[in-house]
Amino acid sequence: MTGALAVQNLTVRYGAFTAVCGVSFEIPPGSVLGLVGESGSGKSSVARAIVGLTPSRGAIRLGDTDLSAGPVGRTRQVRRRVQLVFQDPRGSLDPRLHVGDSIAEGMRGGRRSARVAELLELVSLDPRVAELRPHLLSGGQRQRVAIARALAAEPAVLIADEVTASLDVSVQAVVLNLLRRLQRDLGLTMLFISHNLAVVRYVSDELAVMFHGRIVEQGPAEEVIGAPEHPYTRSLLAAIPQVGERRLLSDDAVEASVTGDPAPPPGCDYRLRCPVGPAVRPGMEICETSDPAGGKDDRLHLAACHLAEPRAPT
């Protein structure tokens, strides 16, 4: 079984609320897709649906196996090959268990003590940490334990959901470098989720930008960062702090941050917040009446925006 992960037309609903609407992407074996967007955009719902923690519709495939169909036993076996690391290790690690026991939960067969020690060393922790309980560790150490526990199941795909969001900046760098090393050395396929474009750019080959439950822009990471076509992506980029700048948001980003309810179909979901759309430019009826479709042949990458134009990378 290869480590290719393919998601097609994924939809997640919580009652009457649609958190994810028709999301599709594919991650080739051994590569990293960064999924970025503001809080509430549906990123974590995508992650939870892939590992089976949230009911969903659509197709989720690992290699040749459809994870959303087939015998329960077979699906459960294959789902072990997709592991999720949560944002908050304090909540995801059982406080009653020693670290070694938490890591060993996902293992099969013998040599558990030796394998736990190997995994702790793999994530740059002293094997003696296995005898401690999670509350005695720092936030960065707990997150590395959570990564070791995920690796204990020998996954083909690792999903990292905001794994650095609760950590200090210096500790974030340690965890990011660790993930990059593990992904490269173990040949992992990875879905890396964050609200921080700068962090996602550091680890990702491909980048997908989510807004209101949909992917609004997707392409090679350097192209999306260097030549963003969607106004929402440009607003996210403008929010990244720059050395020597007192203002963290550009004029466009300030306009884009105006609050408002998500726009209903059939128009563009982003239109009420768009800094170049009908809220600030009268006469943009197409944004009011037509749902934009990405993927035109003359574009650098996919962008679900009526105003997206062909660009050269910068």
C-alpha atoms as a PDB file:
ATOM      1  CA  MET A   1       0.000   0.000   0.000  1.00  0.00           C
ATOM      2  CA  THR A   2       1.348   3.382  -0.989  1.00  0.00           C
ATOM      3  CA  GLY A   3       1.209   6.457   1.194  1.00  0.00           C
ATOM      4  CA  ALA A   4      -0.870   8.469  -1.302  1.00  0.00           C
ATOM      5  CA  LEU A   5      -3.885  10.104   0.365  1.00  0.00           C
ATOM      6  CA  ALA A   6      -6.784  11.248  -1.821  1.00  0.00           C
ATOM      7  CA  VAL A   7      -9.858  13.123  -0.614  1.00  0.00           C
ATOM      8  CA  GLN A   8     -12.719  13.703  -3.020  1.00  0.00           C
ATOM      9  CA  ASN A   9     -15.813  15.862  -2.477  1.00  0.00           C
ATOM     10  CA  LEU A  10     -15.548  15.628   1.328  1.00  0.00           C
ATOM     11  CA  THR A  11     -18.513  17.106   3.193  1.00  0.00           C
ATOM     12  CA  VAL A  12     -18.879  17.327   6.978  1.00  0.00           C
ATOM     13  CA  ARG A  13     -22.086  18.478   8.667  1.00  0.00           C
ATOM     14  CA  TYR A  14     -22.882  19.070  12.331  1.00  0.00           C
ATOM     15  CA  GLY A  15     -26.672  19.063  12.375  1.00  0.00           C
ATOM     16  CA  ALA A  16     -27.813  21.787   9.999  1.00  0.00           C
ATOM     17  CA  PHE A  17     -24.359  23.413   9.903  1.00  0.00           C
ATOM     18  CA  THR A  18     -22.027  22.495   7.034  1.00  0.00           C
ATOM     19  CA  ALA A  19     -18.426  22.720   8.267  1.00  0.00           C
ATOM     20  CA  VAL A  20     -16.770  21.283   5.140  1.00  0.00           C
ATOM     21  CA  CYS A  21     -18.296  21.531   1.674  1.00  0.00           C
ATOM     22  CA  GLY A  22     -16.983  19.526  -1.285  1.00  0.00           C
ATOM     23  CA  VAL A  23     -13.275  19.558  -0.389  1.00  0.00           C
ATOM     24  CA  SER A  24     -10.957  17.602  -2.698  1.00  0.00           C
ATOM     25  CA  PHE A  25      -7.199  17.166  -2.731  1.00  0.00           C
ATOM     26  CA  GLU A  26      -4.514  14.527  -3.233  1.00  0.00           C
ATOM     27  CA  ILE A  27      -1.189  14.153  -1.428  1.00  0.00           C
ATOM     28  CA  PRO A  28       1.393  12.097  -3.345  1.00  0.00           C
ATOM     29  CA  PRO A  29       3.467   9.603  -1.344  1.00  0.00           C
ATOM     30  CA  GLY A  30       6.214  11.240   0.681  1.00  0.00           C
ATOM     31  CA  SER A  31       5.038  14.821   0.171  1.00  0.00           C
ATOM     32  CA  VAL A  32       3.460  17.460   2.437  1.00  0.00           C
ATOM     33  CA  LEU A  33       0.228  19.351   1.830  1.00  0.00           C
ATOM     34  CA  GLY A  34      -0.250  22.426   3.980  1.00  0.00           C
ATOM     35  CA  LEU A  35      -3.869  23.266   4.801  1.00  0.00           C
ATOM     36  CA  VAL A  36      -4.246  26.839   6.005  1.00  0.00           C
ATOM     37  CA  GLY A  37      -7.115  29.117   6.968  1.00  0.00           C
ATOM     38  CA  GLU A  38      -8.584  31.107   9.824  1.00  0.00           C
ATOM     39  CA  SER A  39     -10.226  29.502  12.853  1.00  0.00           C
ATOM     40  CA  GLY A  40     -13.584  28.022  11.906  1.00  0.00           C
ATOM     41  CA  SER A  41     -12.699  27.491   8.253  1.00  0.00           C
ATOM     42  CA  GLY A  42     -13.102  23.702   8.541  1.00  0.00           C
ATOM     43  CA  LYS A  43      -9.466  22.554   8.686  1.00  0.00           C
ATOM     44  CA  SER A  44      -9.776  20.409  11.807  1.00  0.00           C
ATOM     45  CA  SER A  45     -13.060  18.913  10.585  1.00  0.00           C
ATOM     46  CA  VAL A  46     -11.204  17.705   7.487  1.00  0.00           C
ATOM     47  CA  ALA A  47      -8.558  16.068   9.687  1.00  0.00           C
ATOM     48  CA  ARG A  48     -11.091  14.412  11.979  1.00  0.00           C
ATOM     49  CA  ALA A  49     -13.098  13.115   9.022  1.00  0.00           C
ATOM     50  CA  ILE A  50     -10.025  11.527   7.435  1.00  0.00           C
ATOM     51  CA  VAL A  51      -9.202   9.516  10.582  1.00  0.00           C
ATOM     52  CA  GLY A  52     -12.857   8.591  11.184  1.00  0.00           C
ATOM     53  CA  LEU A  53     -13.540  10.732  14.261  1.00  0.00           C
ATOM     54  CA  THR A  54     -16.270  12.716  12.490  1.00  0.00           C
ATOM     55  CA  PRO A  55     -18.986  11.333  10.171  1.00  0.00           C
ATOM     56  CA  SER A  56     -18.600  12.587   6.625  1.00  0.00           C
ATOM     57  CA  ARG A  57     -19.632  12.117   3.023  1.00  0.00           C
ATOM     58  CA  GLY A  58     -17.335  11.755   0.056  1.00  0.00           C
ATOM     59  CA  ALA A  59     -14.401   9.482  -0.748  1.00  0.00           C
ATOM     60  CA  ILE A  60     -11.228   9.143   1.326  1.00  0.00           C
ATOM     61  CA  ARG A  61      -8.618   6.821  -0.137  1.00  0.00           C
ATOM     62  CA  LEU A  62      -5.281   5.599   1.144  1.00  0.00           C
ATOM     63  CA  GLY A  63      -3.538   4.000  -1.790  1.00  0.00           C
ATOM     64  CA  ASP A  64      -6.093   1.669  -3.369  1.00  0.00           C
ATOM     65  CA  THR A  65      -8.289   1.405  -0.266  1.00  0.00           C
ATOM     66  CA  ASP A  66     -11.420   3.487   0.236  1.00  0.00           C
ATOM     67  CA  LEU A  67     -11.490   4.406   3.924  1.00  0.00           C
ATOM     68  CA  SER A  68     -15.093   5.555   3.709  1.00  0.00           C
ATOM     69  CA  ALA A  69     -16.410   2.166   2.569  1.00  0.00           C
ATOM     70  CA  GLY A  70     -15.844  -1.553   2.939  1.00  0.00           C
ATOM     71  CA  PRO A  71     -15.834  -3.973   5.899  1.00  0.00           C
ATOM     72  CA  VAL A  72     -15.393  -2.273   9.277  1.00  0.00           C
ATOM     73  CA  GLY A  73     -12.493  -4.514  10.304  1.00  0.00           C
ATOM     74  CA  ARG A  74     -10.587  -3.923   7.087  1.00  0.00           C
ATOM     75  CA  THR A  75     -11.217  -0.179   7.213  1.00  0.00           C
ATOM     76  CA  ARG A  76     -10.067   0.006  10.825  1.00  0.00           C
ATOM     77  CA  GLN A  77      -6.840  -1.797   9.933  1.00  0.00           C
ATOM     78  CA  VAL A  78      -6.094   0.616   7.112  1.00  0.00           C
ATOM     79  CA  ARG A  79      -7.064   3.661   9.196  1.00  0.00           C
ATOM     80  CA  ARG A  80      -4.234   2.757  11.580  1.00  0.00           C
ATOM     81  CA  ARG A  81      -1.962   3.818   8.740  1.00  0.00           C
ATOM     82  CA  VAL A  82      -3.292   7.376   9.084  1.00  0.00           C
ATOM     83  CA  GLN A  83      -2.412   8.994  12.411  1.00  0.00           C
ATOM     84  CA  LEU A  84      -3.500  12.370  13.800  1.00  0.00           C
ATOM     85  CA  VAL A  85      -1.460  14.574  16.147  1.00  0.00           C
ATOM     86  CA  PHE A  86      -3.736  17.022  17.934  1.00  0.00           C
ATOM     87  CA  GLN A  87      -3.115  20.667  18.777  1.00  0.00           C
ATOM     88  CA  ASP A  88      -3.193  20.249  22.563  1.00  0.00           C
ATOM     89  CA  PRO A  89      -1.078  17.363  23.865  1.00  0.00           C
ATOM     90  CA  ARG A  90      -2.254  18.073  27.419  1.00  0.00           C
ATOM     91  CA  GLY A  91      -5.735  17.030  26.343  1.00  0.00           C
ATOM     92  CA  SER A  92      -4.741  14.196  23.998  1.00  0.00           C
ATOM     93  CA  LEU A  93      -2.429  12.374  26.440  1.00  0.00           C
ATOM     94  CA  ASP A  94      -4.077  10.421  29.254  1.00  0.00           C
ATOM     95  CA  PRO A  95      -2.827  12.024  32.516  1.00  0.00           C
ATOM     96  CA  ARG A  96      -3.233   8.709  34.342  1.00  0.00           C
ATOM     97  CA  LEU A  97      -0.773   6.851  32.113  1.00  0.00           C
ATOM     98  CA  HIS A  98       2.987   7.020  32.106  1.00  0.00           C
ATOM     99  CA  VAL A  99       4.445   8.321  28.863  1.00  0.00           C
ATOM    100  CA  GLY A 100       5.709   4.884  27.866  1.00  0.00           C
ATOM    101  CA  ASP A 101       2.255   3.350  28.306  1.00  0.00           C
ATOM    102  CA  SER A 102       0.655   6.072  26.180  1.00  0.00           C
ATOM    103  CA  ILE A 103       3.117   5.454  23.364  1.00  0.00           C
ATOM    104  CA  ALA A 104       2.735   1.664  23.599  1.00  0.00           C
ATOM    105  CA  GLU A 105      -1.055   1.834  23.184  1.00  0.00           C
ATOM    106  CA  GLY A 106      -0.721   1.950  19.412  1.00  0.00           C
ATOM    107  CA  MET A 107       1.813  -0.855  19.107  1.00  0.00           C
ATOM    108  CA  ARG A 108       1.456  -4.442  18.073  1.00  0.00           C
ATOM    109  CA  GLY A 109       3.513  -7.426  19.116  1.00  0.00           C
ATOM    110  CA  GLY A 110       6.425  -7.628  21.571  1.00  0.00           C
ATOM    111  CA  ARG A 111       9.515  -5.519  22.328  1.00  0.00           C
ATOM    112  CA  ARG A 112       7.314  -2.713  23.577  1.00  0.00           C
ATOM    113  CA  SER A 113       9.820  -1.274  26.045  1.00  0.00           C
ATOM    114  CA  ALA A 114      12.612  -1.289  23.486  1.00  0.00           C
ATOM    115  CA  ARG A 115      10.375   0.226  20.801  1.00  0.00           C
ATOM    116  CA  VAL A 116       9.169   2.977  23.173  1.00  0.00           C
ATOM    117  CA  ALA A 117      12.793   3.874  23.877  1.00  0.00           C
ATOM    118  CA  GLU A 118      13.543   3.975  20.141  1.00  0.00           C
ATOM    119  CA  LEU A 119      10.588   6.258  19.466  1.00  0.00           C
ATOM    120  CA  LEU A 120      11.496   8.635  22.282  1.00  0.00           C
ATOM    121  CA  GLU A 121      15.018   8.911  20.913  1.00  0.00           C
ATOM    122  CA  LEU A 122      13.559   9.442  17.431  1.00  0.00           C
ATOM    123  CA  VAL A 123      11.724  12.543  18.687  1.00  0.00           C
ATOM    124  CA  SER A 124      14.828  13.722  20.600  1.00  0.00           C
ATOM    125  CA  LEU A 125      13.663  12.799  24.099  1.00  0.00           C
ATOM    126  CA  ASP A 126      15.535  10.843  26.771  1.00  0.00           C
ATOM    127  CA  PRO A 127      14.116   7.277  26.977  1.00  0.00           C
ATOM    128  CA  ARG A 128      13.775   7.777  30.749  1.00  0.00           C
ATOM    129  CA  VAL A 129      10.865  10.101  29.997  1.00  0.00           C
ATOM    130  CA  ALA A 130       8.838   6.905  29.526  1.00  0.00           C
ATOM    131  CA  GLU A 131       8.572   6.593  33.318  1.00  0.00           C
ATOM    132  CA  LEU A 132       7.036  10.049  33.780  1.00  0.00           C
ATOM    133  CA  ARG A 133       3.474  11.251  33.570  1.00  0.00           C
ATOM    134  CA  PRO A 134       2.566  13.985  31.054  1.00  0.00           C
ATOM    135  CA  HIS A 135       2.040  16.752  33.631  1.00  0.00           C
ATOM    136  CA  LEU A 136       5.752  16.638  34.519  1.00  0.00           C
ATOM    137  CA  LEU A 137       6.751  17.552  30.944  1.00  0.00           C
ATOM    138  CA  SER A 138       6.881  20.887  29.166  1.00  0.00           C
ATOM    139  CA  GLY A 139       4.479  21.688  26.341  1.00  0.00           C
ATOM    140  CA  GLY A 140       7.115  20.979  23.709  1.00  0.00           C
ATOM    141  CA  GLN A 141       8.037  17.668  25.319  1.00  0.00           C
ATOM    142  CA  ARG A 142       4.385  16.609  25.493  1.00  0.00           C
ATOM    143  CA  GLN A 143       3.934  17.406  21.826  1.00  0.00           C
ATOM    144  CA  ARG A 144       6.955  15.279  20.948  1.00  0.00           C
ATOM    145  CA  VAL A 145       5.478  12.442  23.019  1.00  0.00           C
ATOM    146  CA  ALA A 146       2.239  12.800  21.036  1.00  0.00           C
ATOM    147  CA  ILE A 147       4.244  12.559  17.803  1.00  0.00           C
ATOM    148  CA  ALA A 148       6.048   9.459  19.106  1.00  0.00           C
ATOM    149  CA  ARG A 149       2.709   7.874  19.982  1.00  0.00           C
ATOM    150  CA  ALA A 150       1.437   8.510  16.445  1.00  0.00           C
ATOM    151  CA  LEU A 151       4.606   6.994  14.967  1.00  0.00           C
ATOM    152  CA  ALA A 152       4.142   3.880  17.130  1.00  0.00           C
ATOM    153  CA  ALA A 153       1.373   2.756  14.766  1.00  0.00           C
ATOM    154  CA  GLU A 154       3.861   2.905  11.854  1.00  0.00           C
ATOM    155  CA  PRO A 155       1.675   5.238   9.778  1.00  0.00           C
ATOM    156  CA  ALA A 156       1.974   5.956   6.093  1.00  0.00           C
ATOM    157  CA  VAL A 157       0.219   9.304   6.591  1.00  0.00           C
ATOM    158  CA  LEU A 158       0.680  11.743   9.469  1.00  0.00           C
ATOM    159  CA  ILE A 159      -1.826  14.554  10.040  1.00  0.00           C
ATOM    160  CA  ALA A 160      -0.478  17.398  12.168  1.00  0.00           C
ATOM    161  CA  ASP A 161      -3.351  19.622  13.308  1.00  0.00           C
ATOM    162  CA  GLU A 162      -2.096  22.981  14.622  1.00  0.00           C
ATOM    163  CA  VAL A 163       0.675  21.144  16.476  1.00  0.00           C
ATOM    164  CA  THR A 164       2.661  24.326  17.201  1.00  0.00           C
ATOM    165  CA  ALA A 165      -0.230  26.684  17.989  1.00  0.00           C
ATOM    166  CA  SER A 166      -0.017  26.279  21.775  1.00  0.00           C
ATOM    167  CA  LEU A 167       3.789  26.446  21.966  1.00  0.00           C
ATOM    168  CA  ASP A 168       6.253  29.293  22.493  1.00  0.00           C
ATOM    169  CA  VAL A 169       7.977  30.522  19.348  1.00  0.00           C
ATOM    170  CA  SER A 170      11.334  28.948  20.219  1.00  0.00           C
ATOM    171  CA  VAL A 171       9.662  25.608  20.972  1.00  0.00           C
ATOM    172  CA  GLN A 172       7.658  25.850  17.744  1.00  0.00           C
ATOM    173  CA  ALA A 173      10.919  25.865  15.796  1.00  0.00           C
ATOM    174  CA  VAL A 174      12.076  22.692  17.567  1.00  0.00           C
ATOM    175  CA  VAL A 175       8.840  20.847  16.761  1.00  0.00           C
ATOM    176  CA  LEU A 176       8.762  22.070  13.144  1.00  0.00           C
ATOM    177  CA  ASN A 177      12.345  20.980  12.536  1.00  0.00           C
ATOM    178  CA  LEU A 178      11.542  17.626  14.122  1.00  0.00           C
ATOM    179  CA  LEU A 179       8.547  17.110  11.830  1.00  0.00           C
ATOM    180  CA  ARG A 180      10.571  18.034   8.768  1.00  0.00           C
ATOM    181  CA  ARG A 181      13.290  15.562   9.728  1.00  0.00           C
ATOM    182  CA  LEU A 182      10.835  12.757  10.490  1.00  0.00           C
ATOM    183  CA  GLN A 183       8.913  13.344   7.271  1.00  0.00           C
ATOM    184  CA  ARG A 184      12.112  13.199   5.241  1.00  0.00           C
ATOM    185  CA  ASP A 185      13.761  10.282   7.055  1.00  0.00           C
ATOM    186  CA  LEU A 186      10.640   8.100   7.324  1.00  0.00           C
ATOM    187  CA  GLY A 187       9.196   9.022   3.930  1.00  0.00           C
ATOM    188  CA  LEU A 188       5.897  10.073   5.506  1.00  0.00           C
ATOM    189  CA  THR A 189       3.015  11.558   3.594  1.00  0.00           C
ATOM    190  CA  MET A 190       1.824  14.514   5.663  1.00  0.00           C
ATOM    191  CA  LEU A 191      -1.171  16.824   5.959  1.00  0.00           C
ATOM    192  CA  PHE A 192       0.049  19.848   7.938  1.00  0.00           C
ATOM    193  CA  ILE A 193      -2.741  22.097   9.242  1.00  0.00           C
ATOM    194  CA  SER A 194      -2.211  25.608  10.565  1.00  0.00           C
ATOM    195  CA  HIS A 195      -3.671  29.110  10.559  1.00  0.00           C
ATOM    196  CA  ASN A 196      -0.132  30.488  10.112  1.00  0.00           C
ATOM    197  CA  LEU A 197       0.996  30.764   6.483  1.00  0.00           C
ATOM    198  CA  ALA A 198       4.620  31.351   7.458  1.00  0.00           C
ATOM    199  CA  VAL A 199       4.701  28.060   9.384  1.00  0.00           C
ATOM    200  CA  VAL A 200       2.917  26.122   6.629  1.00  0.00           C
ATOM    201  CA  ARG A 201       5.309  27.460   4.002  1.00  0.00           C
ATOM    202  CA  TYR A 202       8.261  26.124   5.985  1.00  0.00           C
ATOM    203  CA  VAL A 203       7.138  22.491   5.841  1.00  0.00           C
ATOM    204  CA  SER A 204       4.878  22.140   2.786  1.00  0.00           C
ATOM    205  CA  ASP A 205       5.342  21.175  -0.848  1.00  0.00           C
ATOM    206  CA  GLU A 206       1.762  22.020  -1.802  1.00  0.00           C
ATOM    207  CA  LEU A 207      -0.564  24.558  -0.198  1.00  0.00           C
ATOM    208  CA  ALA A 208      -4.366  24.629   0.071  1.00  0.00           C
ATOM    209  CA  VAL A 209      -6.192  27.643   1.509  1.00  0.00           C
ATOM    210  CA  MET A 210      -9.586  27.095   3.183  1.00  0.00           C
ATOM    211  CA  PHE A 211     -12.364  29.589   3.788  1.00  0.00           C
ATOM    212  CA  HIS A 212     -15.900  28.847   4.957  1.00  0.00           C
ATOM    213  CA  GLY A 213     -15.500  25.097   4.531  1.00  0.00           C
ATOM    214  CA  ARG A 214     -14.081  25.236   0.996  1.00  0.00           C
ATOM    215  CA  ILE A 215     -10.657  25.285  -0.604  1.00  0.00           C
ATOM    216  CA  VAL A 216     -10.402  28.663  -2.324  1.00  0.00           C
ATOM    217  CA  GLU A 217      -6.826  28.387  -3.588  1.00  0.00           C
ATOM    218  CA  GLN A 218      -4.413  25.514  -4.102  1.00  0.00           C
ATOM    219  CA  GLY A 219      -1.061  24.962  -5.763  1.00  0.00           C
ATOM    220  CA  PRO A 220       2.668  24.532  -5.177  1.00  0.00           C
ATOM    221  CA  ALA A 221       3.539  26.297  -1.927  1.00  0.00           C
ATOM    222  CA  GLU A 222       6.032  28.740  -3.426  1.00  0.00           C
ATOM    223  CA  GLU A 223       3.610  29.704  -6.204  1.00  0.00           C
ATOM    224  CA  VAL A 224       0.692  30.313  -3.842  1.00  0.00           C
ATOM    225  CA  ILE A 225       2.910  32.346  -1.510  1.00  0.00           C
ATOM    226  CA  GLY A 226       4.766  34.169  -4.268  1.00  0.00           C
ATOM    227  CA  ALA A 227       1.780  34.878  -6.524  1.00  0.00           C
ATOM    228  CA  PRO A 228      -1.471  34.568  -4.561  1.00  0.00           C
ATOM    229  CA  GLU A 229      -4.537  34.896  -6.769  1.00  0.00           C
ATOM    230  CA  HIS A 230      -7.355  34.855  -4.226  1.00  0.00           C
ATOM    231  CA  PRO A 231      -7.996  38.010  -2.123  1.00  0.00           C
ATOM    232  CA  TYR A 232      -8.361  35.864   0.999  1.00  0.00           C
ATOM    233  CA  THR A 233      -4.898  34.359   0.511  1.00  0.00           C
ATOM    234  CA  ARG A 234      -3.461  37.834   0.044  1.00  0.00           C
ATOM    235  CA  SER A 235      -5.106  38.931   3.305  1.00  0.00           C
ATOM    236  CA  LEU A 236      -3.582  35.980   5.163  1.00  0.00           C
ATOM    237  CA  LEU A 237      -0.166  36.846   3.766  1.00  0.00           C
ATOM    238  CA  ALA A 238      -0.561  40.493   4.733  1.00  0.00           C
ATOM    239  CA  ALA A 239      -1.216  39.419   8.319  1.00  0.00           C
ATOM    240  CA  ILE A 240       2.232  37.815   8.665  1.00  0.00           C
ATOM    241  CA  PRO A 241       4.408  40.102  10.860  1.00  0.00           C
ATOM    242  CA  GLN A 242       7.356  41.674   9.057  1.00  0.00           C
ATOM    243  CA  VAL A 243      10.603  42.680  10.737  1.00  0.00           C
ATOM    244  CA  GLY A 244      10.754  46.449  11.136  1.00  0.00           C
ATOM    245  CA  GLU A 245       7.066  47.029  10.375  1.00  0.00           C
ATOM    246  CA  ARG A 246       4.793  48.473  13.034  1.00  0.00           C
ATOM    247  CA  ARG A 247       1.624  47.776  11.055  1.00  0.00           C
ATOM    248  CA  LEU A 248       0.896  44.081  10.762  1.00  0.00           C
ATOM    249  CA  LEU A 249      -1.974  44.328   8.270  1.00  0.00           C
ATOM    250  CA  SER A 250      -2.051  45.965   4.870  1.00  0.00           C
ATOM    251  CA  ASP A 251      -4.964  48.136   3.781  1.00  0.00           C
ATOM    252  CA  ASP A 252      -6.416  45.189   1.869  1.00  0.00           C
ATOM    253  CA  ALA A 253      -6.174  42.941   4.902  1.00  0.00           C
ATOM    254  CA  VAL A 254      -7.927  45.497   7.114  1.00  0.00           C
ATOM    255  CA  GLU A 255     -10.765  45.748   4.619  1.00  0.00           C
ATOM    256  CA  ALA A 256     -10.938  41.964   4.429  1.00  0.00           C
ATOM    257  CA  SER A 257     -11.257  41.630   8.188  1.00  0.00           C
ATOM    258  CA  VAL A 258     -14.588  43.481   8.331  1.00  0.00           C
ATOM    259  CA  THR A 259     -17.013  41.201  10.140  1.00  0.00           C
ATOM    260  CA  GLY A 260     -20.112  39.766   8.561  1.00  0.00           C
ATOM    261  CA  ASP A 261     -22.007  36.554   8.220  1.00  0.00           C
ATOM    262  CA  PRO A 262     -20.707  34.116   5.602  1.00  0.00           C
ATOM    263  CA  ALA A 263     -22.337  34.818   2.248  1.00  0.00           C
ATOM    264  CA  PRO A 264     -25.049  32.333   1.220  1.00  0.00           C
ATOM    265  CA  PRO A 265     -25.115  30.588  -2.162  1.00  0.00           C
ATOM    266  CA  PRO A 266     -25.179  31.153  -5.076  1.00  0.00           C
ATOM    267  CA  GLY A 267     -22.605  33.954  -4.867  1.00  0.00           C
ATOM    268  CA  CYS A 268     -19.011  33.899  -3.661  1.00  0.00           C
ATOM    269  CA  ASP A 269     -18.741  32.994   0.030  1.00  0.00           C
ATOM    270  CA  TYR A 270     -16.026  35.601   0.537  1.00  0.00           C
ATOM    271  CA  ARG A 271     -17.831  38.513  -1.092  1.00  0.00           C
ATOM    272  CA  LEU A 272     -18.923  40.293   2.103  1.00  0.00           C
ATOM    273  CA  ARG A 273     -15.311  40.478   3.316  1.00  0.00           C
ATOM    274  CA  CYS A 274     -13.493  40.767   0.009  1.00  0.00           C
ATOM    275  CA  PRO A 275     -11.341  43.922  -0.304  1.00  0.00           C
ATOM    276  CA  VAL A 276     -11.774  43.968  -4.107  1.00  0.00           C
ATOM    277  CA  GLY A 277     -15.321  42.608  -4.355  1.00  0.00           C
ATOM    278  CA  PRO A 278     -18.831  44.061  -4.403  1.00  0.00           C
ATOM    279  CA  ALA A 279     -18.624  45.425  -0.847  1.00  0.00           C
ATOM    280  CA  VAL A 280     -16.130  48.048  -2.067  1.00  0.00           C
ATOM    281  CA  ARG A 281     -16.590  47.933  -5.863  1.00  0.00           C
ATOM    282  CA  PRO A 282     -20.165  48.453  -7.076  1.00  0.00           C
ATOM    283  CA  GLY A 283     -21.096  46.611 -10.204  1.00  0.00           C
ATOM    284  CA  MET A 284     -19.535  43.248  -9.333  1.00  0.00           C
ATOM    285  CA  GLU A 285     -22.795  41.379  -9.905  1.00  0.00           C
ATOM    286  CA  ILE A 286     -20.993  38.190 -10.837  1.00  0.00           C
ATOM    287  CA  CYS A 287     -19.705  37.868  -7.252  1.00  0.00           C
ATOM    288  CA  GLU A 288     -23.286  38.213  -6.005  1.00  0.00           C
ATOM    289  CA  THR A 289     -24.859  35.684  -8.330  1.00  0.00           C
ATOM    290  CA  SER A 290     -22.276  33.105  -9.374  1.00  0.00           C
ATOM    291  CA  ASP A 291     -20.181  30.683  -7.323  1.00  0.00           C
ATOM    292  CA  PRO A 292     -16.582  31.036  -8.602  1.00  0.00           C
ATOM    293  CA  ALA A 293     -14.837  27.976  -9.989  1.00  0.00           C
ATOM    294  CA  GLY A 294     -11.076  27.499  -9.861  1.00  0.00           C
ATOM    295  CA  GLY A 295      -8.781  25.682 -12.214  1.00  0.00           C
ATOM    296  CA  LYS A 296      -8.823  27.637 -15.458  1.00  0.00           C
ATOM    297  CA  ASP A 297      -6.073  26.581 -17.835  1.00  0.00           C
ATOM    298  CA  ASP A 298      -4.405  30.000 -17.954  1.00  0.00           C
ATOM    299  CA  ARG A 299      -3.848  30.221 -14.206  1.00  0.00           C
ATOM    300  CA  LEU A 300      -0.722  29.416 -12.283  1.00  0.00           C
ATOM    301  CA  HIS A 301      -2.727  27.314  -9.825  1.00  0.00           C
ATOM    302  CA  LEU A 302      -6.320  26.778  -8.675  1.00  0.00           C
ATOM    303  CA  ALA A 303      -8.108  29.853  -7.304  1.00  0.00           C
ATOM    304  CA  ALA A 304     -11.869  30.048  -6.714  1.00  0.00           C
ATOM    305  CA  CYS A 305     -12.232  33.742  -7.521  1.00  0.00           C
ATOM    306  CA  HIS A 306     -13.874  35.573 -10.431  1.00  0.00           C
ATOM    307  CA  LEU A 307     -11.118  38.195 -10.303  1.00  0.00           C
ATOM    308  CA  ALA A 308      -8.172  35.773 -10.357  1.00  0.00           C
ATOM    309  CA  GLU A 309      -5.839  36.462 -13.257  1.00  0.00           C
ATOM    310  CA  PRO A 310      -2.824  34.655 -14.725  1.00  0.00           C
ATOM    311  CA  ARG A 311       0.332  35.686 -12.867  1.00  0.00           C
ATOM    312  CA  ALA A 312       4.020  34.893 -12.930  1.00  0.00           C
ATOM    313  CA  PRO A 313       5.670  33.727  -9.688  1.00  0.00           C
ATOM    314  CA  THR A 314       7.485  36.451  -7.759  1.00  0.00           C
END
